N, C-alpha and C. Protein backbone atom coordinates (compact mmCIF):
# COMPACT_ATOMS: atom_id res chain seq x y z
N MET A 1 -19.41 -64.46 53.60
CA MET A 1 -19.01 -63.08 53.48
C MET A 1 -17.90 -62.80 54.50
N LEU A 2 -16.87 -62.10 54.06
CA LEU A 2 -15.76 -61.75 54.94
C LEU A 2 -16.13 -60.59 55.84
N ALA A 3 -15.75 -60.70 57.08
CA ALA A 3 -15.97 -59.58 58.00
C ALA A 3 -14.94 -58.50 57.70
N GLU A 4 -15.35 -57.27 57.86
CA GLU A 4 -14.40 -56.17 57.63
C GLU A 4 -13.34 -56.17 58.69
N MET A 5 -12.09 -56.03 58.26
CA MET A 5 -10.97 -55.96 59.19
C MET A 5 -10.84 -54.52 59.66
N PRO A 6 -10.60 -54.32 60.96
CA PRO A 6 -10.41 -52.94 61.42
C PRO A 6 -9.15 -52.35 60.82
N VAL A 7 -9.21 -51.07 60.53
CA VAL A 7 -8.08 -50.37 59.97
C VAL A 7 -7.22 -49.84 61.12
N ASP A 8 -5.94 -50.16 61.07
CA ASP A 8 -5.02 -49.67 62.10
C ASP A 8 -4.49 -48.32 61.65
N THR A 9 -4.98 -47.25 62.26
CA THR A 9 -4.57 -45.91 61.87
C THR A 9 -3.15 -45.59 62.31
N ARG A 10 -2.54 -46.49 63.07
CA ARG A 10 -1.17 -46.27 63.52
C ARG A 10 -0.15 -46.72 62.48
N LEU A 11 -0.58 -47.32 61.40
CA LEU A 11 0.31 -47.84 60.37
C LEU A 11 0.09 -47.12 59.05
N THR A 12 1.18 -46.65 58.47
CA THR A 12 1.15 -46.05 57.13
C THR A 12 2.11 -46.85 56.26
N VAL A 13 1.62 -47.33 55.13
CA VAL A 13 2.47 -48.04 54.18
C VAL A 13 2.65 -47.13 52.97
N LEU A 14 3.90 -46.75 52.70
CA LEU A 14 4.20 -45.86 51.59
C LEU A 14 4.26 -46.64 50.28
N PRO A 15 4.16 -45.97 49.13
CA PRO A 15 4.25 -46.66 47.84
C PRO A 15 5.53 -47.49 47.70
N SER A 16 6.61 -47.07 48.35
CA SER A 16 7.87 -47.80 48.30
C SER A 16 7.83 -49.07 49.15
N GLY A 17 6.78 -49.25 49.94
CA GLY A 17 6.68 -50.39 50.85
C GLY A 17 7.16 -50.07 52.25
N VAL A 18 7.80 -48.92 52.43
CA VAL A 18 8.26 -48.51 53.75
C VAL A 18 7.06 -48.35 54.66
N ARG A 19 7.20 -48.81 55.89
CA ARG A 19 6.13 -48.74 56.87
C ARG A 19 6.49 -47.76 57.98
N ILE A 20 5.55 -46.91 58.33
CA ILE A 20 5.70 -46.00 59.46
C ILE A 20 4.67 -46.45 60.48
N VAL A 21 5.15 -46.88 61.64
CA VAL A 21 4.29 -47.46 62.67
C VAL A 21 4.36 -46.60 63.93
N ARG A 22 3.21 -46.10 64.38
CA ARG A 22 3.18 -45.39 65.66
C ARG A 22 2.92 -46.41 66.75
N LEU A 23 3.83 -46.46 67.70
CA LEU A 23 3.71 -47.39 68.82
C LEU A 23 2.93 -46.73 69.94
N GLY A 24 2.38 -47.55 70.81
CA GLY A 24 1.61 -47.01 71.92
C GLY A 24 1.68 -47.93 73.13
N VAL A 25 0.75 -47.74 74.04
CA VAL A 25 0.69 -48.54 75.26
C VAL A 25 0.61 -50.02 74.86
N GLY A 26 1.44 -50.83 75.50
CA GLY A 26 1.44 -52.26 75.22
C GLY A 26 2.32 -52.68 74.07
N ASP A 27 3.01 -51.74 73.46
CA ASP A 27 3.87 -52.07 72.31
C ASP A 27 5.34 -52.21 72.70
N ASP A 28 5.61 -52.50 73.97
CA ASP A 28 6.99 -52.67 74.44
C ASP A 28 7.72 -53.76 73.66
N GLU A 29 6.98 -54.77 73.20
CA GLU A 29 7.62 -55.87 72.48
C GLU A 29 8.29 -55.39 71.19
N TRP A 30 7.79 -54.32 70.59
CA TRP A 30 8.44 -53.76 69.41
C TRP A 30 9.84 -53.26 69.76
N VAL A 31 9.96 -52.58 70.89
CA VAL A 31 11.26 -52.06 71.32
C VAL A 31 12.18 -53.24 71.63
N ARG A 32 11.66 -54.24 72.32
CA ARG A 32 12.47 -55.43 72.62
C ARG A 32 12.94 -56.13 71.34
N GLU A 33 12.04 -56.28 70.39
CA GLU A 33 12.36 -56.98 69.14
C GLU A 33 13.47 -56.27 68.36
N TYR A 34 13.45 -54.95 68.35
CA TYR A 34 14.41 -54.16 67.57
C TYR A 34 15.54 -53.58 68.41
N GLU A 35 15.66 -54.02 69.66
CA GLU A 35 16.59 -53.37 70.59
C GLU A 35 18.04 -53.36 70.10
N LYS A 36 18.52 -54.43 69.52
CA LYS A 36 19.92 -54.48 69.07
C LYS A 36 20.19 -53.42 68.00
N ILE A 37 19.37 -53.38 66.96
CA ILE A 37 19.57 -52.41 65.89
C ILE A 37 19.19 -51.01 66.37
N LEU A 38 18.24 -50.92 67.27
CA LEU A 38 17.85 -49.63 67.83
C LEU A 38 19.01 -49.01 68.63
N THR A 39 19.79 -49.84 69.31
CA THR A 39 20.95 -49.35 70.05
C THR A 39 21.97 -48.73 69.09
N ILE A 40 22.18 -49.38 67.96
CA ILE A 40 23.11 -48.85 66.95
C ILE A 40 22.57 -47.55 66.38
N ALA A 41 21.28 -47.53 66.06
CA ALA A 41 20.65 -46.32 65.50
C ALA A 41 20.70 -45.18 66.52
N ALA A 42 20.45 -45.49 67.79
CA ALA A 42 20.46 -44.46 68.83
C ALA A 42 21.85 -43.85 68.96
N GLN A 43 22.89 -44.68 68.90
CA GLN A 43 24.25 -44.15 68.99
C GLN A 43 24.55 -43.24 67.79
N ASP A 44 24.15 -43.67 66.60
CA ASP A 44 24.37 -42.85 65.40
C ASP A 44 23.58 -41.54 65.50
N PHE A 45 22.34 -41.62 66.01
CA PHE A 45 21.54 -40.41 66.21
C PHE A 45 22.25 -39.44 67.14
N LEU A 46 22.71 -39.93 68.29
CA LEU A 46 23.38 -39.07 69.26
C LEU A 46 24.64 -38.44 68.66
N THR A 47 25.40 -39.22 67.92
CA THR A 47 26.63 -38.72 67.30
C THR A 47 26.32 -37.66 66.25
N ARG A 48 25.42 -37.98 65.34
CA ARG A 48 25.09 -37.05 64.25
C ARG A 48 24.44 -35.77 64.77
N ALA A 49 23.61 -35.90 65.81
CA ALA A 49 22.90 -34.74 66.35
C ALA A 49 23.75 -33.97 67.36
N GLN A 50 24.95 -34.48 67.62
CA GLN A 50 25.82 -33.86 68.63
C GLN A 50 25.04 -33.70 69.93
N GLN A 51 24.31 -34.75 70.27
CA GLN A 51 23.41 -34.76 71.41
C GLN A 51 24.06 -35.52 72.56
N ALA A 52 23.98 -34.98 73.76
CA ALA A 52 24.45 -35.70 74.94
C ALA A 52 23.52 -36.86 75.22
N GLY A 53 24.04 -37.89 75.84
CA GLY A 53 23.21 -39.03 76.22
C GLY A 53 23.85 -40.33 75.82
N THR A 54 23.14 -41.40 76.07
CA THR A 54 23.61 -42.74 75.73
C THR A 54 22.53 -43.45 74.93
N PRO A 55 22.92 -44.46 74.15
CA PRO A 55 21.90 -45.24 73.45
C PRO A 55 20.88 -45.86 74.41
N GLU A 56 21.37 -46.31 75.55
CA GLU A 56 20.46 -46.87 76.55
C GLU A 56 19.47 -45.81 77.04
N GLY A 57 19.94 -44.58 77.17
CA GLY A 57 19.05 -43.48 77.56
C GLY A 57 17.99 -43.20 76.52
N VAL A 58 18.37 -43.27 75.24
CA VAL A 58 17.39 -43.08 74.15
C VAL A 58 16.34 -44.18 74.21
N ILE A 59 16.78 -45.42 74.35
CA ILE A 59 15.84 -46.54 74.38
C ILE A 59 14.92 -46.43 75.60
N GLU A 60 15.45 -46.02 76.73
CA GLU A 60 14.63 -45.85 77.93
C GLU A 60 13.57 -44.76 77.71
N GLU A 61 13.96 -43.66 77.05
CA GLU A 61 12.98 -42.60 76.73
C GLU A 61 11.88 -43.13 75.83
N LEU A 62 12.25 -43.95 74.84
CA LEU A 62 11.24 -44.52 73.94
C LEU A 62 10.28 -45.40 74.73
N ARG A 63 10.83 -46.25 75.60
CA ARG A 63 9.98 -47.12 76.42
C ARG A 63 9.05 -46.29 77.32
N ASP A 64 9.60 -45.28 77.97
CA ASP A 64 8.79 -44.43 78.86
C ASP A 64 7.66 -43.75 78.09
N ALA A 65 7.95 -43.32 76.88
CA ALA A 65 6.96 -42.60 76.08
C ALA A 65 5.76 -43.47 75.73
N LEU A 66 5.96 -44.77 75.64
CA LEU A 66 4.87 -45.67 75.26
C LEU A 66 3.71 -45.64 76.26
N ALA A 67 3.98 -45.28 77.49
CA ALA A 67 2.95 -45.29 78.52
C ALA A 67 2.36 -43.91 78.79
N GLN A 68 2.73 -42.92 77.98
CA GLN A 68 2.27 -41.56 78.22
C GLN A 68 1.47 -41.05 77.03
N ALA A 69 0.24 -40.65 77.27
CA ALA A 69 -0.66 -40.24 76.19
C ALA A 69 -0.17 -39.01 75.45
N HIS A 70 0.63 -38.15 76.09
CA HIS A 70 1.09 -36.93 75.43
C HIS A 70 2.42 -37.14 74.69
N ARG A 71 2.90 -38.38 74.63
CA ARG A 71 4.14 -38.69 73.90
C ARG A 71 3.85 -39.82 72.92
N ALA A 72 4.65 -39.90 71.86
CA ALA A 72 4.46 -40.95 70.86
C ALA A 72 5.80 -41.36 70.27
N VAL A 73 5.86 -42.61 69.84
CA VAL A 73 7.05 -43.19 69.23
C VAL A 73 6.64 -43.76 67.88
N TRP A 74 7.48 -43.55 66.88
CA TRP A 74 7.28 -44.14 65.56
C TRP A 74 8.51 -44.95 65.20
N PHE A 75 8.30 -46.12 64.60
CA PHE A 75 9.37 -46.89 63.98
C PHE A 75 9.15 -46.81 62.48
N VAL A 76 10.24 -46.69 61.75
CA VAL A 76 10.20 -46.69 60.29
C VAL A 76 10.88 -47.98 59.86
N LEU A 77 10.17 -48.78 59.06
CA LEU A 77 10.63 -50.11 58.69
C LEU A 77 10.56 -50.30 57.18
N GLN A 78 11.49 -51.08 56.66
CA GLN A 78 11.42 -51.43 55.25
C GLN A 78 10.25 -52.37 55.04
N ALA A 79 9.93 -52.66 53.78
CA ALA A 79 8.80 -53.53 53.46
C ALA A 79 8.94 -54.89 54.14
N ASP A 80 10.17 -55.36 54.31
CA ASP A 80 10.41 -56.65 54.96
C ASP A 80 10.63 -56.50 56.48
N TYR A 81 10.28 -55.36 57.00
CA TYR A 81 10.33 -55.03 58.43
C TYR A 81 11.75 -54.86 58.98
N ARG A 82 12.74 -54.65 58.11
CA ARG A 82 14.06 -54.27 58.60
C ARG A 82 13.98 -52.81 59.05
N PHE A 83 14.70 -52.51 60.12
CA PHE A 83 14.63 -51.21 60.79
C PHE A 83 15.31 -50.12 59.96
N LEU A 84 14.62 -48.98 59.80
CA LEU A 84 15.18 -47.82 59.10
C LEU A 84 15.33 -46.60 59.99
N GLY A 85 14.55 -46.51 61.06
CA GLY A 85 14.67 -45.33 61.91
C GLY A 85 13.57 -45.25 62.94
N PHE A 86 13.59 -44.13 63.67
CA PHE A 86 12.63 -43.93 64.74
C PHE A 86 12.39 -42.44 64.94
N ALA A 87 11.32 -42.13 65.64
CA ALA A 87 11.03 -40.75 66.03
C ALA A 87 10.36 -40.78 67.40
N LEU A 88 10.57 -39.71 68.16
CA LEU A 88 9.96 -39.53 69.47
C LEU A 88 9.45 -38.10 69.53
N ALA A 89 8.17 -37.94 69.86
CA ALA A 89 7.59 -36.60 69.94
C ALA A 89 6.69 -36.50 71.16
N GLU A 90 6.43 -35.26 71.56
CA GLU A 90 5.53 -35.04 72.68
C GLU A 90 4.73 -33.78 72.46
N ILE A 91 3.57 -33.75 73.09
CA ILE A 91 2.73 -32.55 73.08
C ILE A 91 3.21 -31.67 74.23
N VAL A 92 3.43 -30.39 73.97
CA VAL A 92 3.84 -29.46 75.02
C VAL A 92 2.86 -28.29 75.06
N TRP A 93 2.65 -27.81 76.26
CA TRP A 93 1.80 -26.65 76.51
C TRP A 93 2.68 -25.63 77.21
N GLU A 94 2.75 -24.43 76.66
CA GLU A 94 3.60 -23.40 77.25
C GLU A 94 2.80 -22.13 77.50
N PHE A 95 2.76 -21.72 78.74
CA PHE A 95 2.27 -20.42 79.13
C PHE A 95 0.86 -20.12 78.61
N GLY A 96 0.00 -21.11 78.59
CA GLY A 96 -1.38 -20.91 78.17
C GLY A 96 -1.59 -20.89 76.67
N ALA A 97 -0.52 -21.09 75.91
CA ALA A 97 -0.64 -21.12 74.44
C ALA A 97 -1.25 -22.45 74.00
N PRO A 98 -1.77 -22.52 72.79
CA PRO A 98 -2.28 -23.79 72.28
C PRO A 98 -1.17 -24.85 72.26
N PRO A 99 -1.53 -26.11 72.38
CA PRO A 99 -0.51 -27.16 72.39
C PRO A 99 0.23 -27.23 71.06
N ARG A 100 1.45 -27.74 71.14
CA ARG A 100 2.25 -27.96 69.94
C ARG A 100 2.98 -29.29 70.09
N VAL A 101 3.40 -29.86 68.99
CA VAL A 101 4.19 -31.09 69.00
C VAL A 101 5.66 -30.70 68.97
N PHE A 102 6.44 -31.26 69.86
CA PHE A 102 7.89 -31.08 69.81
C PHE A 102 8.51 -32.44 69.52
N VAL A 103 9.28 -32.50 68.44
CA VAL A 103 9.95 -33.74 68.06
C VAL A 103 11.28 -33.78 68.81
N GLN A 104 11.38 -34.68 69.77
CA GLN A 104 12.59 -34.81 70.56
C GLN A 104 13.69 -35.54 69.80
N ALA A 105 13.31 -36.48 68.96
CA ALA A 105 14.29 -37.24 68.20
C ALA A 105 13.65 -37.74 66.92
N ALA A 106 14.40 -37.65 65.85
CA ALA A 106 13.99 -38.24 64.58
C ALA A 106 15.25 -38.73 63.90
N TYR A 107 15.28 -39.99 63.56
CA TYR A 107 16.47 -40.57 62.95
C TYR A 107 16.06 -41.52 61.85
N LEU A 108 16.66 -41.36 60.69
CA LEU A 108 16.50 -42.28 59.57
C LEU A 108 17.88 -42.66 59.08
N TYR A 109 18.09 -43.95 58.84
CA TYR A 109 19.40 -44.40 58.38
C TYR A 109 19.79 -43.65 57.11
N PRO A 110 20.94 -43.00 57.13
CA PRO A 110 21.40 -42.30 55.93
C PRO A 110 21.70 -43.30 54.81
N ARG A 111 21.49 -42.87 53.60
CA ARG A 111 21.81 -43.62 52.38
C ARG A 111 20.95 -44.86 52.16
N ARG A 112 20.11 -45.25 53.13
CA ARG A 112 19.27 -46.43 52.93
C ARG A 112 17.79 -46.07 52.93
N THR A 113 17.47 -44.85 53.24
CA THR A 113 16.08 -44.45 53.36
C THR A 113 15.70 -43.56 52.18
N PRO A 114 14.63 -43.91 51.45
CA PRO A 114 14.19 -43.03 50.36
C PRO A 114 13.89 -41.62 50.87
N ARG A 115 14.17 -40.63 50.05
CA ARG A 115 14.02 -39.22 50.46
C ARG A 115 12.61 -38.87 50.92
N SER A 116 11.62 -39.46 50.32
CA SER A 116 10.23 -39.10 50.65
C SER A 116 9.82 -39.55 52.05
N VAL A 117 10.57 -40.43 52.66
CA VAL A 117 10.16 -40.99 53.95
C VAL A 117 10.11 -39.92 55.04
N LEU A 118 11.06 -39.01 55.07
CA LEU A 118 11.05 -37.97 56.10
C LEU A 118 9.77 -37.14 56.03
N ALA A 119 9.36 -36.76 54.83
CA ALA A 119 8.13 -35.98 54.67
C ALA A 119 6.92 -36.77 55.17
N HIS A 120 6.87 -38.06 54.88
CA HIS A 120 5.76 -38.89 55.34
C HIS A 120 5.79 -39.09 56.85
N LEU A 121 6.98 -39.23 57.41
CA LEU A 121 7.11 -39.34 58.86
C LEU A 121 6.63 -38.06 59.54
N ALA A 122 7.05 -36.92 59.01
CA ALA A 122 6.60 -35.64 59.56
C ALA A 122 5.08 -35.52 59.46
N GLN A 123 4.51 -35.98 58.35
CA GLN A 123 3.05 -35.93 58.20
C GLN A 123 2.36 -36.83 59.21
N ALA A 124 2.92 -38.00 59.48
CA ALA A 124 2.34 -38.90 60.49
C ALA A 124 2.38 -38.24 61.87
N ILE A 125 3.47 -37.57 62.18
CA ILE A 125 3.60 -36.89 63.47
C ILE A 125 2.60 -35.73 63.55
N ARG A 126 2.48 -34.97 62.45
CA ARG A 126 1.51 -33.87 62.42
C ARG A 126 0.09 -34.39 62.62
N ALA A 127 -0.24 -35.49 61.96
CA ALA A 127 -1.59 -36.05 62.07
C ALA A 127 -1.88 -36.48 63.52
N TRP A 128 -0.90 -37.10 64.16
CA TRP A 128 -1.06 -37.48 65.56
C TRP A 128 -1.27 -36.22 66.42
N GLY A 129 -0.46 -35.21 66.21
CA GLY A 129 -0.58 -33.97 66.95
C GLY A 129 -1.94 -33.31 66.75
N ALA A 130 -2.44 -33.35 65.54
CA ALA A 130 -3.74 -32.74 65.23
C ALA A 130 -4.85 -33.40 66.05
N THR A 131 -4.75 -34.71 66.26
CA THR A 131 -5.79 -35.40 67.05
C THR A 131 -5.78 -34.94 68.50
N LEU A 132 -4.66 -34.35 68.94
CA LEU A 132 -4.55 -33.87 70.32
C LEU A 132 -4.64 -32.35 70.40
N GLY A 133 -5.05 -31.71 69.29
CA GLY A 133 -5.27 -30.28 69.29
C GLY A 133 -4.04 -29.42 69.06
N ALA A 134 -2.92 -30.03 68.68
CA ALA A 134 -1.69 -29.25 68.45
C ALA A 134 -1.84 -28.36 67.22
N VAL A 135 -1.24 -27.18 67.29
CA VAL A 135 -1.33 -26.22 66.19
C VAL A 135 -0.05 -26.15 65.36
N SER A 136 1.04 -26.73 65.88
CA SER A 136 2.29 -26.74 65.11
C SER A 136 3.15 -27.91 65.53
N LEU A 137 4.09 -28.23 64.67
CA LEU A 137 5.10 -29.24 64.94
C LEU A 137 6.43 -28.51 64.97
N ASP A 138 7.17 -28.65 66.05
CA ASP A 138 8.48 -28.01 66.18
C ASP A 138 9.56 -29.07 66.27
N PHE A 139 10.68 -28.81 65.61
CA PHE A 139 11.83 -29.69 65.76
C PHE A 139 13.08 -28.84 65.66
N GLN A 140 14.13 -29.35 66.24
CA GLN A 140 15.39 -28.63 66.18
C GLN A 140 16.42 -29.48 65.47
N THR A 141 17.36 -28.80 64.88
CA THR A 141 18.46 -29.48 64.22
C THR A 141 19.75 -28.85 64.71
N ARG A 142 20.81 -29.58 64.64
CA ARG A 142 22.11 -29.06 65.06
C ARG A 142 22.80 -28.31 63.92
N ARG A 143 22.09 -28.07 62.85
CA ARG A 143 22.63 -27.25 61.76
C ARG A 143 22.32 -25.80 62.10
N PRO A 144 23.26 -25.12 62.72
CA PRO A 144 22.95 -23.81 63.30
C PRO A 144 22.98 -22.65 62.31
N SER A 145 22.27 -21.62 62.69
CA SER A 145 22.41 -20.32 62.05
C SER A 145 22.47 -19.31 63.19
N ALA A 146 23.43 -18.41 63.16
CA ALA A 146 23.73 -17.57 64.32
C ALA A 146 22.75 -16.41 64.49
N GLY A 147 22.45 -15.71 63.44
CA GLY A 147 21.56 -14.57 63.55
C GLY A 147 22.08 -13.54 64.54
N ALA A 148 21.16 -12.86 65.20
CA ALA A 148 21.50 -11.76 66.11
C ALA A 148 22.27 -12.22 67.34
N TRP A 149 22.14 -13.46 67.72
CA TRP A 149 22.83 -13.94 68.92
C TRP A 149 24.36 -13.87 68.77
N ARG A 150 24.86 -13.89 67.57
CA ARG A 150 26.31 -13.81 67.36
C ARG A 150 26.86 -12.49 67.92
N ARG A 151 26.05 -11.43 67.87
CA ARG A 151 26.50 -10.11 68.36
C ARG A 151 26.73 -10.08 69.86
N VAL A 152 26.09 -10.98 70.60
CA VAL A 152 26.31 -11.01 72.04
C VAL A 152 27.30 -12.11 72.44
N GLY A 153 27.94 -12.71 71.43
CA GLY A 153 28.97 -13.70 71.70
C GLY A 153 28.48 -15.12 71.82
N ALA A 154 27.21 -15.35 71.60
CA ALA A 154 26.69 -16.70 71.70
C ALA A 154 26.93 -17.45 70.39
N LEU A 155 27.35 -18.69 70.53
CA LEU A 155 27.49 -19.54 69.36
C LEU A 155 26.27 -20.46 69.30
N PRO A 156 25.63 -20.52 68.17
CA PRO A 156 24.42 -21.33 68.06
C PRO A 156 24.74 -22.82 68.17
N VAL A 157 23.87 -23.54 68.83
CA VAL A 157 24.02 -24.99 68.91
C VAL A 157 22.88 -25.71 68.20
N ALA A 158 21.84 -24.98 67.84
CA ALA A 158 20.71 -25.60 67.16
C ALA A 158 19.85 -24.53 66.49
N THR A 159 19.03 -24.98 65.57
CA THR A 159 18.04 -24.14 64.92
C THR A 159 16.69 -24.80 65.12
N LEU A 160 15.69 -24.03 65.51
CA LEU A 160 14.34 -24.54 65.75
C LEU A 160 13.47 -24.25 64.52
N TYR A 161 12.76 -25.26 64.08
CA TYR A 161 11.86 -25.12 62.93
C TYR A 161 10.43 -25.37 63.38
N ARG A 162 9.49 -24.68 62.76
CA ARG A 162 8.07 -24.85 63.08
C ARG A 162 7.30 -25.12 61.80
N VAL A 163 6.44 -26.16 61.85
CA VAL A 163 5.58 -26.54 60.74
C VAL A 163 4.15 -26.44 61.24
N PRO A 164 3.30 -25.63 60.60
CA PRO A 164 1.90 -25.52 61.05
C PRO A 164 1.16 -26.83 60.91
N ILE A 165 0.19 -27.04 61.79
CA ILE A 165 -0.69 -28.20 61.70
C ILE A 165 -2.09 -27.67 61.43
N GLY A 166 -2.75 -28.24 60.48
CA GLY A 166 -4.11 -27.81 60.15
C GLY A 166 -4.12 -26.64 59.19
N ASP A 167 -5.25 -26.43 58.57
CA ASP A 167 -5.43 -25.34 57.59
C ASP A 167 -4.29 -25.28 56.60
N ASP A 168 -3.90 -26.48 56.07
CA ASP A 168 -2.78 -26.53 55.11
C ASP A 168 -3.08 -25.80 53.83
């Protein structure tokens, strides 16, 4: 009789074969293994997001996050384990409010990633946040909308989005 294999809840395999892997403590070798392509992806992320920083800074943040329970890193890989993207999120607590997940970085290679992958990645991040008591997932994009701030002369640099966690 075969022994039951433990289920790794950090891995999601989509119908397309794309894999979403949440990295954690001791998974530094994943960053080392993908470092060359990760450097290219990090530069593209910084450029597209109009974000200050360096690819080396992005990679260092990913490495640092692996050792912190309130932060998480995801790699998105094709079925053959070729790199498609990454995400970095953290749990934040503000002013006594319930915790929330803030996505610091999310990058998927344009034109090579099936459209459904972003929704599945967001769901994986929400599920992780839910295990830590988070009530929402927040992320920002550099696709601005000015709103009332335009009247005071401010030019928007980002838009913040919130996705509820739980009670879907």
